Amino acid sequence: MTQDFAIIREIYEHEYSTEEFEVELDRALETKAQTIIVEPARLGEDTARWIACGNCLHKTAVLSGVGCLVGGLFWPNRGIVFLPMGFTSVVCAGVYAISWQFDPCCKYQVEYDLMKVPKIPLHSLTTTTPVVLVRKDDYRRKVLQNILAIAAGSFCLYKIYKWHS
């Protein structure tokens, strides 16, 4: 069951309110809400930081994988050019796969332009700086990341094998 949007309200009713905010966010992620509005500033910042870190790992894996393959194509005998990039691609893709791939939060991106999300009831929010998470299909980007990391790692292993045989 997917719903249109979920709002994590910043209402402090008792000393365990921050834990309740986290539970509400987890519940919204599990229901696969298209848009999640996070009012509590700290929770929103932590979630945005977590997503940005996953995005950084993904982009590093992809770009270093491409760099490895292109570097290996143009300078096939200069391992110093492409081996570090291949290693970086494999490590970043591996860390992403272990830490982010199965986290429901990785299906979301932070939307900074609130005008792109017209269904948000801005008048009912209790903060002027909510963190807005929008659900995105990440299947293609994960496939691209994994193919490039495997190709870069395989290419590096092949070159090392050829040099030492």
Protein backbone atom coordinates (compact mmCIF):
# COMPACT_ATOMS: atom_id res chain seq x y z
CA MET A 1 0.00 0.00 0.00
CA THR A 2 1.48 3.32 -1.02
CA GLN A 3 0.22 6.65 0.10
CA ASP A 4 0.73 10.07 -1.38
CA PHE A 5 2.61 11.74 1.46
CA ALA A 6 3.49 11.44 5.12
CA ILE A 7 4.32 14.21 7.55
CA ILE A 8 6.59 13.63 10.53
CA ARG A 9 5.35 16.40 12.82
CA GLU A 10 7.59 18.15 15.31
CA ILE A 11 5.40 17.89 18.38
CA TYR A 12 7.19 17.27 21.66
CA GLU A 13 4.75 15.53 23.98
CA HIS A 14 7.24 13.83 26.31
CA GLU A 15 10.93 13.04 26.74
CA TYR A 16 10.81 10.21 24.16
CA SER A 17 9.44 12.35 21.34
CA THR A 18 12.65 12.18 19.30
CA GLU A 19 12.48 8.38 19.30
CA GLU A 20 8.86 8.59 18.20
CA PHE A 21 9.89 10.83 15.29
CA GLU A 22 12.33 8.14 14.16
CA VAL A 23 9.66 5.44 14.45
CA GLU A 24 7.25 7.59 12.41
CA LEU A 25 9.91 8.08 9.74
CA ASP A 26 10.60 4.34 9.62
CA ARG A 27 6.87 3.69 9.30
CA ALA A 28 6.58 6.22 6.45
CA LEU A 29 9.55 4.63 4.68
CA GLU A 30 8.03 1.16 5.05
CA THR A 31 4.67 2.29 3.66
CA LYS A 32 6.57 3.64 0.61
CA ALA A 33 4.98 7.09 0.78
CA GLN A 34 5.73 9.06 -2.39
CA THR A 35 6.65 12.17 -0.40
CA ILE A 36 7.79 12.35 3.21
CA ILE A 37 7.93 15.69 4.98
CA VAL A 38 10.23 15.68 8.00
CA GLU A 39 9.62 18.62 10.33
CA PRO A 40 12.04 17.82 13.19
CA ALA A 41 15.24 19.61 12.15
CA ARG A 42 17.74 17.15 13.58
CA LEU A 43 16.01 14.08 12.13
CA GLY A 44 15.66 15.81 8.77
CA GLU A 45 19.33 16.83 8.71
CA ASP A 46 20.49 13.35 9.72
CA THR A 47 18.29 11.74 7.05
CA ALA A 48 19.47 14.19 4.38
CA ARG A 49 23.10 13.55 5.38
CA TRP A 50 22.56 9.76 5.20
CA ILE A 51 21.06 10.07 1.72
CA ALA A 52 23.86 12.41 0.58
CA CYS A 53 26.47 9.96 1.84
CA GLY A 54 24.83 7.13 -0.12
CA ASN A 55 24.66 9.35 -3.20
CA CYS A 56 28.35 10.18 -2.81
CA LEU A 57 29.28 6.50 -2.60
CA HIS A 58 27.16 5.75 -5.66
CA LYS A 59 28.63 8.58 -7.74
CA THR A 60 32.17 7.75 -6.67
CA ALA A 61 31.67 4.10 -7.64
CA VAL A 62 30.27 5.04 -11.03
CA LEU A 63 32.77 7.77 -11.92
CA SER A 64 35.81 5.86 -10.71
CA GLY A 65 34.59 2.77 -12.60
CA VAL A 66 34.30 4.78 -15.80
CA GLY A 67 37.70 6.39 -15.11
CA CYS A 68 39.28 2.99 -14.59
CA LEU A 69 37.92 1.58 -17.84
CA VAL A 70 38.77 4.71 -19.87
CA GLY A 71 42.23 4.97 -18.28
CA GLY A 72 42.86 1.29 -18.99
CA LEU A 73 41.77 1.76 -22.57
CA PHE A 74 44.11 4.71 -23.24
CA TRP A 75 47.01 3.63 -20.99
CA PRO A 76 46.78 -0.17 -20.77
CA ASN A 77 50.31 -0.62 -19.37
CA ARG A 78 50.16 2.17 -16.79
CA GLY A 79 48.44 0.56 -13.83
CA ILE A 80 49.06 3.64 -11.70
CA VAL A 81 46.47 5.39 -13.86
CA PHE A 82 43.57 2.93 -13.62
CA LEU A 83 44.20 0.54 -10.71
CA PRO A 84 43.39 3.05 -7.93
CA MET A 85 40.16 4.01 -9.68
CA GLY A 86 39.15 0.37 -10.12
CA PHE A 87 39.85 -0.32 -6.45
CA THR A 88 37.87 2.77 -5.43
CA SER A 89 34.92 1.75 -7.59
CA VAL A 90 34.78 -1.76 -6.14
CA VAL A 91 35.14 -0.57 -2.53
CA CYS A 92 32.50 2.16 -2.88
CA ALA A 93 30.05 -0.20 -4.59
CA GLY A 94 30.70 -2.80 -1.89
CA VAL A 95 30.15 -0.35 0.97
CA TYR A 96 26.98 0.89 -0.73
CA ALA A 97 25.73 -2.66 -1.19
CA ILE A 98 26.37 -3.54 2.46
CA SER A 99 25.21 -0.34 4.14
CA TRP A 100 22.69 1.35 1.85
CA GLN A 101 21.21 -1.04 -0.68
CA PHE A 102 18.62 -2.59 1.62
CA ASP A 103 17.88 0.56 3.61
CA PRO A 104 14.43 1.87 2.58
CA CYS A 105 15.84 5.40 2.88
CA CYS A 106 17.97 4.86 -0.26
CA LYS A 107 14.78 4.88 -2.33
CA TYR A 108 14.37 8.58 -1.51
CA GLN A 109 16.08 11.77 -2.56
CA VAL A 110 15.96 15.13 -0.82
CA GLU A 111 13.90 17.67 -2.78
CA TYR A 112 15.22 21.16 -2.19
CA ASP A 113 12.78 22.95 -4.51
CA LEU A 114 9.40 22.75 -2.76
CA MET A 115 7.69 24.11 -5.88
CA LYS A 116 8.44 20.78 -7.62
CA VAL A 117 6.24 19.00 -5.09
CA PRO A 118 2.84 20.71 -5.52
CA LYS A 119 0.82 18.32 -3.33
CA ILE A 120 2.52 19.37 -0.10
CA PRO A 121 0.13 21.13 2.29
CA LEU A 122 2.63 23.87 3.18
CA HIS A 123 0.00 25.78 5.15
CA SER A 124 -0.33 22.93 7.66
CA LEU A 125 3.38 22.59 8.46
CA THR A 126 4.76 23.79 11.78
CA THR A 127 8.22 24.65 10.39
CA THR A 128 9.44 26.80 7.53
CA THR A 129 12.39 24.50 6.80
CA PRO A 130 11.13 20.93 6.45
CA VAL A 131 13.21 18.25 4.78
CA VAL A 132 11.21 16.82 1.90
CA LEU A 133 11.99 13.31 0.72
CA VAL A 134 10.68 12.14 -2.65
CA ARG A 135 10.58 8.47 -3.60
CA LYS A 136 12.61 7.67 -6.74
CA ASP A 137 13.13 4.47 -8.69
CA ASP A 138 16.80 3.60 -8.20
CA TYR A 139 16.89 0.25 -10.01
CA ARG A 140 18.72 1.51 -13.11
CA ARG A 141 21.32 3.45 -11.15
CA LYS A 142 22.08 0.43 -8.95
CA VAL A 143 22.45 -1.79 -12.00
CA LEU A 144 24.76 0.77 -13.65
CA GLN A 145 26.83 1.09 -10.48
CA ASN A 146 27.22 -2.67 -10.05
CA ILE A 147 28.02 -3.34 -13.71
CA LEU A 148 30.69 -0.62 -13.75
CA ALA A 149 32.22 -1.75 -10.45
CA ILE A 150 32.33 -5.39 -11.57
CA ALA A 151 33.75 -4.42 -14.97
CA ALA A 152 36.40 -2.17 -13.39
CA GLY A 153 37.35 -4.77 -10.79
CA SER A 154 37.47 -7.54 -13.37
CA PHE A 155 39.57 -5.41 -15.72
CA CYS A 156 42.05 -4.64 -12.92
CA LEU A 157 42.31 -8.29 -11.88
CA TYR A 158 42.81 -9.31 -15.52
CA LYS A 159 45.59 -6.75 -16.00
CA ILE A 160 47.33 -7.79 -12.77
CA TYR A 161 47.08 -11.43 -13.80
CA LYS A 162 48.53 -10.67 -17.26
CA TRP A 163 51.43 -8.67 -15.77
CA HIS A 164 52.41 -11.45 -13.39
CA SER A 165 52.01 -14.43 -15.71
